[in-house]
Amino acid sequence: MLPTSWRVTHAYLEGRLSIYKNELQSARDQLRRALAFCHIEYTSNQRKILKFLVPVEMNLNRFPTSKLLQRHNLLEYLDISNACQSGDILGFEKALSFQMDNFVYGGVYLVFERLRNLTLRNLLKRIALVVRREPELQVAGGAHILQIELIYNILREWDPQLDMDEVECIIANLIHQGLVKGYISHERRLLVLASKGGEPFPLQA
């Protein structure tokens, strides 16, 4: 049987390779295995593993606690984690830009950049919740129908050069990725969210 240290190293490297191949489920499994095998007293090795495991887990909609990040000296991840969870796209871009050099040097920039779509999904979910509570924002047909113009006006704060067609493309991409369930009515400029048979903003496993 291979020594435990070899098993940790092998799982860690396999996990990093899976990240670069965009196989995040596999990356999570391998990095979790590396962390499980890692000796509890080897805190520097735990941090090296968590440095990659945490952003992978975030992409799979599992976010770290501030206590975990503090314990392993990864507090530079906190702002981007909070922004993504709350759908704060401006805060996300600010945190990503502020930590860009650190993330690029550490080899995690691309996996953090992938969180942009999840942040946008969470923003749409927030908008949908507001529309559900505010009848004056609703259109005929039900609270599950969102005006794309409303989404557009909010996203313009993120990118002032966006137009309505680009916003529709952003939403269509989220639907394609399975982050949003519904369809776009281009003629009426509406996003019709799934109202039956499941959550319109499904969690990734």
C-alpha atoms as a PDB file:
ATOM      1  CA  MET A   1       0.000   0.000   0.000  1.00  0.00           C
ATOM      2  CA  LEU A   2       1.215   3.498  -0.830  1.00  0.00           C
ATOM      3  CA  PRO A   3       2.297   5.711   2.082  1.00  0.00           C
ATOM      4  CA  THR A   4      -0.383   8.144   3.220  1.00  0.00           C
ATOM      5  CA  SER A   5       1.723  11.125   2.133  1.00  0.00           C
ATOM      6  CA  TRP A   6       1.781   9.770  -1.436  1.00  0.00           C
ATOM      7  CA  ARG A   7      -1.977   9.271  -1.407  1.00  0.00           C
ATOM      8  CA  VAL A   8      -2.484  12.859  -0.267  1.00  0.00           C
ATOM      9  CA  THR A   9      -0.154  14.207  -2.955  1.00  0.00           C
ATOM     10  CA  HIS A  10      -1.719  12.071  -5.686  1.00  0.00           C
ATOM     11  CA  ALA A  11      -5.293  13.101  -4.788  1.00  0.00           C
ATOM     12  CA  TYR A  12      -4.247  16.764  -4.521  1.00  0.00           C
ATOM     13  CA  LEU A  13      -2.600  16.764  -7.959  1.00  0.00           C
ATOM     14  CA  GLU A  14      -5.493  14.848  -9.515  1.00  0.00           C
ATOM     15  CA  GLY A  15      -7.865  17.413  -8.048  1.00  0.00           C
ATOM     16  CA  ARG A  16      -5.906  20.312  -9.504  1.00  0.00           C
ATOM     17  CA  LEU A  17      -5.773  18.604 -12.882  1.00  0.00           C
ATOM     18  CA  SER A  18      -9.541  18.131 -12.814  1.00  0.00           C
ATOM     19  CA  ILE A  19      -9.964  21.859 -12.152  1.00  0.00           C
ATOM     20  CA  TYR A  20      -7.970  22.740 -15.245  1.00  0.00           C
ATOM     21  CA  LYS A  21     -10.029  20.204 -17.230  1.00  0.00           C
ATOM     22  CA  ASN A  22     -13.182  21.904 -15.929  1.00  0.00           C
ATOM     23  CA  GLU A  23     -14.321  18.714 -14.195  1.00  0.00           C
ATOM     24  CA  LEU A  24     -15.402  20.253 -10.919  1.00  0.00           C
ATOM     25  CA  GLN A  25     -17.238  17.256  -9.469  1.00  0.00           C
ATOM     26  CA  SER A  26     -14.127  15.141  -9.934  1.00  0.00           C
ATOM     27  CA  ALA A  27     -11.954  17.943  -8.554  1.00  0.00           C
ATOM     28  CA  ARG A  28     -14.111  18.131  -5.436  1.00  0.00           C
ATOM     29  CA  ASP A  29     -13.938  14.370  -4.887  1.00  0.00           C
ATOM     30  CA  GLN A  30     -10.150  14.249  -5.267  1.00  0.00           C
ATOM     31  CA  LEU A  31      -9.472  17.303  -3.110  1.00  0.00           C
ATOM     32  CA  ARG A  32     -11.829  16.042  -0.417  1.00  0.00           C
ATOM     33  CA  ARG A  33      -9.932  12.760  -0.465  1.00  0.00           C
ATOM     34  CA  ALA A  34      -6.628  14.611  -0.122  1.00  0.00           C
ATOM     35  CA  LEU A  35      -7.988  16.577   2.836  1.00  0.00           C
ATOM     36  CA  ALA A  36      -9.334  13.440   4.502  1.00  0.00           C
ATOM     37  CA  PHE A  37      -5.943  11.701   4.229  1.00  0.00           C
ATOM     38  CA  CYS A  38      -3.961  14.774   5.311  1.00  0.00           C
ATOM     39  CA  HIS A  39      -2.625  14.573   8.868  1.00  0.00           C
ATOM     40  CA  ILE A  40      -4.529  16.876  11.193  1.00  0.00           C
ATOM     41  CA  GLU A  41      -1.319  18.533  12.400  1.00  0.00           C
ATOM     42  CA  TYR A  42      -0.115  19.421   8.881  1.00  0.00           C
ATOM     43  CA  THR A  43      -1.993  22.703   8.768  1.00  0.00           C
ATOM     44  CA  SER A  44       0.090  24.157   5.923  1.00  0.00           C
ATOM     45  CA  ASN A  45      -0.821  21.163   3.734  1.00  0.00           C
ATOM     46  CA  GLN A  46      -4.476  21.480   4.726  1.00  0.00           C
ATOM     47  CA  ARG A  47      -4.379  25.117   3.625  1.00  0.00           C
ATOM     48  CA  LYS A  48      -2.849  24.171   0.253  1.00  0.00           C
ATOM     49  CA  ILE A  49      -5.681  21.703  -0.349  1.00  0.00           C
ATOM     50  CA  LEU A  50      -8.412  24.059   0.864  1.00  0.00           C
ATOM     51  CA  LYS A  51      -7.013  26.837  -1.288  1.00  0.00           C
ATOM     52  CA  PHE A  52      -8.386  24.896  -4.285  1.00  0.00           C
ATOM     53  CA  LEU A  53     -11.170  22.913  -2.625  1.00  0.00           C
ATOM     54  CA  VAL A  54     -13.016  25.982  -1.282  1.00  0.00           C
ATOM     55  CA  PRO A  55     -13.524  27.723  -4.661  1.00  0.00           C
ATOM     56  CA  VAL A  56     -14.498  24.395  -6.244  1.00  0.00           C
ATOM     57  CA  GLU A  57     -17.106  23.866  -3.525  1.00  0.00           C
ATOM     58  CA  MET A  58     -18.338  27.426  -4.037  1.00  0.00           C
ATOM     59  CA  ASN A  59     -18.910  26.700  -7.724  1.00  0.00           C
ATOM     60  CA  LEU A  60     -21.013  23.749  -6.615  1.00  0.00           C
ATOM     61  CA  ASN A  61     -23.034  26.051  -4.354  1.00  0.00           C
ATOM     62  CA  ARG A  62     -21.408  25.084  -1.060  1.00  0.00           C
ATOM     63  CA  PHE A  63     -19.964  28.136   0.648  1.00  0.00           C
ATOM     64  CA  PRO A  64     -17.405  28.285   3.461  1.00  0.00           C
ATOM     65  CA  THR A  65     -18.002  29.808   6.862  1.00  0.00           C
ATOM     66  CA  SER A  66     -15.911  32.776   7.911  1.00  0.00           C
ATOM     67  CA  LYS A  67     -14.676  30.608  10.792  1.00  0.00           C
ATOM     68  CA  LEU A  68     -13.249  28.038   8.370  1.00  0.00           C
ATOM     69  CA  LEU A  69     -11.580  30.716   6.259  1.00  0.00           C
ATOM     70  CA  GLN A  70     -10.094  32.376   9.318  1.00  0.00           C
ATOM     71  CA  ARG A  71      -8.832  29.084  10.733  1.00  0.00           C
ATOM     72  CA  HIS A  72      -6.942  28.291   7.536  1.00  0.00           C
ATOM     73  CA  ASN A  73      -5.815  31.841   6.712  1.00  0.00           C
ATOM     74  CA  LEU A  74      -8.007  32.144   3.620  1.00  0.00           C
ATOM     75  CA  LEU A  75      -9.902  35.309   4.522  1.00  0.00           C
ATOM     76  CA  GLU A  76      -9.155  36.742   1.057  1.00  0.00           C
ATOM     77  CA  TYR A  77     -11.975  34.449  -0.106  1.00  0.00           C
ATOM     78  CA  LEU A  78     -14.582  35.959   2.230  1.00  0.00           C
ATOM     79  CA  ASP A  79     -15.696  39.014   0.238  1.00  0.00           C
ATOM     80  CA  ILE A  80     -16.126  37.106  -3.006  1.00  0.00           C
ATOM     81  CA  SER A  81     -18.006  34.332  -1.182  1.00  0.00           C
ATOM     82  CA  ASN A  82     -20.399  36.790   0.461  1.00  0.00           C
ATOM     83  CA  ALA A  83     -20.982  38.685  -2.795  1.00  0.00           C
ATOM     84  CA  CYS A  84     -21.711  35.504  -4.731  1.00  0.00           C
ATOM     85  CA  GLN A  85     -24.167  34.187  -2.148  1.00  0.00           C
ATOM     86  CA  SER A  86     -26.079  37.473  -1.996  1.00  0.00           C
ATOM     87  CA  GLY A  87     -26.127  38.046  -5.758  1.00  0.00           C
ATOM     88  CA  ASP A  88     -24.108  41.253  -5.365  1.00  0.00           C
ATOM     89  CA  ILE A  89     -22.578  41.353  -8.845  1.00  0.00           C
ATOM     90  CA  LEU A  90     -20.889  44.723  -8.219  1.00  0.00           C
ATOM     91  CA  GLY A  91     -19.360  43.435  -4.997  1.00  0.00           C
ATOM     92  CA  PHE A  92     -18.283  40.256  -6.778  1.00  0.00           C
ATOM     93  CA  GLU A  93     -16.472  42.168  -9.517  1.00  0.00           C
ATOM     94  CA  LYS A  94     -14.835  44.457  -6.971  1.00  0.00           C
ATOM     95  CA  ALA A  95     -13.603  41.516  -4.856  1.00  0.00           C
ATOM     96  CA  LEU A  96     -12.388  39.603  -7.918  1.00  0.00           C
ATOM     97  CA  SER A  97     -10.527  42.634  -9.242  1.00  0.00           C
ATOM     98  CA  PHE A  98      -8.998  43.450  -5.858  1.00  0.00           C
ATOM     99  CA  GLN A  99      -7.670  39.898  -5.429  1.00  0.00           C
ATOM    100  CA  MET A 100      -6.803  39.312  -9.094  1.00  0.00           C
ATOM    101  CA  ASP A 101      -3.018  39.261  -8.721  1.00  0.00           C
ATOM    102  CA  ASN A 102      -3.248  37.041  -5.641  1.00  0.00           C
ATOM    103  CA  PHE A 103      -5.678  34.638  -7.331  1.00  0.00           C
ATOM    104  CA  VAL A 104      -3.705  34.483 -10.591  1.00  0.00           C
ATOM    105  CA  TYR A 105      -0.463  33.837  -8.724  1.00  0.00           C
ATOM    106  CA  GLY A 106      -2.176  31.184  -6.606  1.00  0.00           C
ATOM    107  CA  GLY A 107      -3.671  29.415  -9.634  1.00  0.00           C
ATOM    108  CA  VAL A 108      -7.307  29.890  -8.581  1.00  0.00           C
ATOM    109  CA  TYR A 109      -8.373  32.927 -10.627  1.00  0.00           C
ATOM    110  CA  LEU A 110     -10.214  31.001 -13.341  1.00  0.00           C
ATOM    111  CA  VAL A 111     -12.204  28.909 -10.894  1.00  0.00           C
ATOM    112  CA  PHE A 112     -13.231  32.068  -9.031  1.00  0.00           C
ATOM    113  CA  GLU A 113     -14.142  33.793 -12.291  1.00  0.00           C
ATOM    114  CA  ARG A 114     -16.582  30.958 -12.979  1.00  0.00           C
ATOM    115  CA  LEU A 115     -18.575  32.158  -9.966  1.00  0.00           C
ATOM    116  CA  ARG A 116     -19.810  35.145 -11.977  1.00  0.00           C
ATOM    117  CA  ASN A 117     -22.675  33.102 -13.430  1.00  0.00           C
ATOM    118  CA  LEU A 118     -23.673  31.771 -10.020  1.00  0.00           C
ATOM    119  CA  THR A 119     -23.645  35.346  -8.700  1.00  0.00           C
ATOM    120  CA  LEU A 120     -25.916  36.423 -11.575  1.00  0.00           C
ATOM    121  CA  ARG A 121     -28.217  33.479 -10.830  1.00  0.00           C
ATOM    122  CA  ASN A 122     -28.446  34.563  -7.193  1.00  0.00           C
ATOM    123  CA  LEU A 123     -29.170  38.125  -8.302  1.00  0.00           C
ATOM    124  CA  LEU A 124     -32.059  36.913 -10.460  1.00  0.00           C
ATOM    125  CA  LYS A 125     -33.359  34.930  -7.514  1.00  0.00           C
ATOM    126  CA  ARG A 126     -33.305  38.070  -5.372  1.00  0.00           C
ATOM    127  CA  ILE A 127     -35.168  39.994  -8.062  1.00  0.00           C
ATOM    128  CA  ALA A 128     -37.762  37.206  -8.316  1.00  0.00           C
ATOM    129  CA  LEU A 129     -38.314  37.292  -4.546  1.00  0.00           C
ATOM    130  CA  VAL A 130     -38.828  41.063  -4.626  1.00  0.00           C
ATOM    131  CA  VAL A 131     -41.307  40.772  -7.521  1.00  0.00           C
ATOM    132  CA  ARG A 132     -43.198  38.066  -5.621  1.00  0.00           C
ATOM    133  CA  ARG A 133     -43.597  40.430  -2.659  1.00  0.00           C
ATOM    134  CA  GLU A 134     -44.393  43.580  -4.663  1.00  0.00           C
ATOM    135  CA  PRO A 135     -47.598  43.325  -6.753  1.00  0.00           C
ATOM    136  CA  GLU A 136     -46.862  46.581  -8.586  1.00  0.00           C
ATOM    137  CA  LEU A 137     -43.814  44.948 -10.180  1.00  0.00           C
ATOM    138  CA  GLN A 138     -45.799  41.974 -11.450  1.00  0.00           C
ATOM    139  CA  VAL A 139     -47.143  41.592 -14.971  1.00  0.00           C
ATOM    140  CA  ALA A 140     -50.267  39.740 -16.082  1.00  0.00           C
ATOM    141  CA  GLY A 141     -49.762  36.017 -15.806  1.00  0.00           C
ATOM    142  CA  GLY A 142     -48.292  35.654 -12.348  1.00  0.00           C
ATOM    143  CA  ALA A 143     -45.458  36.534  -9.997  1.00  0.00           C
ATOM    144  CA  HIS A 144     -43.209  34.000 -11.725  1.00  0.00           C
ATOM    145  CA  ILE A 145     -42.930  36.266 -14.786  1.00  0.00           C
ATOM    146  CA  LEU A 146     -40.150  38.875 -14.675  1.00  0.00           C
ATOM    147  CA  GLN A 147     -39.796  41.881 -16.934  1.00  0.00           C
ATOM    148  CA  ILE A 148     -36.404  41.733 -18.601  1.00  0.00           C
ATOM    149  CA  GLU A 149     -36.366  45.533 -18.516  1.00  0.00           C
ATOM    150  CA  LEU A 150     -36.337  45.316 -14.709  1.00  0.00           C
ATOM    151  CA  ILE A 151     -33.347  42.968 -14.818  1.00  0.00           C
ATOM    152  CA  TYR A 152     -31.717  45.205 -17.430  1.00  0.00           C
ATOM    153  CA  ASN A 153     -32.045  48.312 -15.257  1.00  0.00           C
ATOM    154  CA  ILE A 154     -30.323  46.533 -12.368  1.00  0.00           C
ATOM    155  CA  LEU A 155     -27.554  45.035 -14.497  1.00  0.00           C
ATOM    156  CA  ARG A 156     -26.848  48.434 -16.054  1.00  0.00           C
ATOM    157  CA  GLU A 157     -25.295  49.370 -12.719  1.00  0.00           C
ATOM    158  CA  TRP A 158     -22.823  46.516 -13.294  1.00  0.00           C
ATOM    159  CA  ASP A 159     -22.174  47.301 -16.962  1.00  0.00           C
ATOM    160  CA  PRO A 160     -23.581  50.614 -18.285  1.00  0.00           C
ATOM    161  CA  GLN A 161     -22.956  49.521 -21.882  1.00  0.00           C
ATOM    162  CA  LEU A 162     -25.293  46.520 -21.722  1.00  0.00           C
ATOM    163  CA  ASP A 163     -28.328  46.496 -24.001  1.00  0.00           C
ATOM    164  CA  MET A 164     -31.518  44.457 -23.713  1.00  0.00           C
ATOM    165  CA  ASP A 165     -30.370  41.816 -26.197  1.00  0.00           C
ATOM    166  CA  GLU A 166     -27.177  41.243 -24.217  1.00  0.00           C
ATOM    167  CA  VAL A 167     -29.193  40.855 -21.021  1.00  0.00           C
ATOM    168  CA  GLU A 168     -31.344  38.247 -22.771  1.00  0.00           C
ATOM    169  CA  CYS A 169     -28.143  36.433 -23.807  1.00  0.00           C
ATOM    170  CA  ILE A 170     -26.921  36.453 -20.194  1.00  0.00           C
ATOM    171  CA  ILE A 171     -30.218  34.986 -19.002  1.00  0.00           C
ATOM    172  CA  ALA A 172     -30.268  32.431 -21.844  1.00  0.00           C
ATOM    173  CA  ASN A 173     -26.771  31.305 -20.808  1.00  0.00           C
ATOM    174  CA  LEU A 174     -27.910  30.832 -17.195  1.00  0.00           C
ATOM    175  CA  ILE A 175     -30.851  28.763 -18.432  1.00  0.00           C
ATOM    176  CA  HIS A 176     -28.528  26.701 -20.652  1.00  0.00           C
ATOM    177  CA  GLN A 177     -26.250  25.986 -17.686  1.00  0.00           C
ATOM    178  CA  GLY A 178     -29.190  24.814 -15.590  1.00  0.00           C
ATOM    179  CA  LEU A 179     -28.822  27.662 -13.092  1.00  0.00           C
ATOM    180  CA  VAL A 180     -32.268  29.005 -13.973  1.00  0.00           C
ATOM    181  CA  LYS A 181     -35.349  27.069 -15.083  1.00  0.00           C
ATOM    182  CA  GLY A 182     -37.647  28.904 -17.448  1.00  0.00           C
ATOM    183  CA  TYR A 183     -37.750  30.497 -20.865  1.00  0.00           C
ATOM    184  CA  ILE A 184     -37.478  33.913 -22.491  1.00  0.00           C
ATOM    185  CA  SER A 185     -40.287  35.556 -24.420  1.00  0.00           C
ATOM    186  CA  HIS A 186     -38.263  37.785 -26.734  1.00  0.00           C
ATOM    187  CA  GLU A 187     -41.292  39.491 -28.252  1.00  0.00           C
ATOM    188  CA  ARG A 188     -42.674  40.544 -24.858  1.00  0.00           C
ATOM    189  CA  ARG A 189     -39.252  40.920 -23.203  1.00  0.00           C
ATOM    190  CA  LEU A 190     -40.198  38.604 -20.359  1.00  0.00           C
ATOM    191  CA  LEU A 191     -38.455  35.879 -18.392  1.00  0.00           C
ATOM    192  CA  VAL A 192     -40.996  33.187 -17.539  1.00  0.00           C
ATOM    193  CA  LEU A 193     -39.709  31.165 -14.608  1.00  0.00           C
ATOM    194  CA  ALA A 194     -40.731  27.563 -14.048  1.00  0.00           C
ATOM    195  CA  SER A 195     -43.735  27.660 -11.725  1.00  0.00           C
ATOM    196  CA  LYS A 196     -44.449  23.935 -11.591  1.00  0.00           C
ATOM    197  CA  GLY A 197     -42.336  20.852 -11.106  1.00  0.00           C
ATOM    198  CA  GLY A 198     -39.464  22.267  -9.120  1.00  0.00           C
ATOM    199  CA  GLU A 199     -37.406  25.241  -8.031  1.00  0.00           C
ATOM    200  CA  PRO A 200     -36.757  27.843 -10.777  1.00  0.00           C
ATOM    201  CA  PHE A 201     -33.307  28.440  -9.276  1.00  0.00           C
ATOM    202  CA  PRO A 202     -32.059  24.894  -8.652  1.00  0.00           C
ATOM    203  CA  LEU A 203     -29.117  24.192  -6.427  1.00  0.00           C
ATOM    204  CA  GLN A 204     -26.188  22.375  -7.971  1.00  0.00           C
ATOM    205  CA  ALA A 205     -25.301  19.136  -6.248  1.00  0.00           C
END
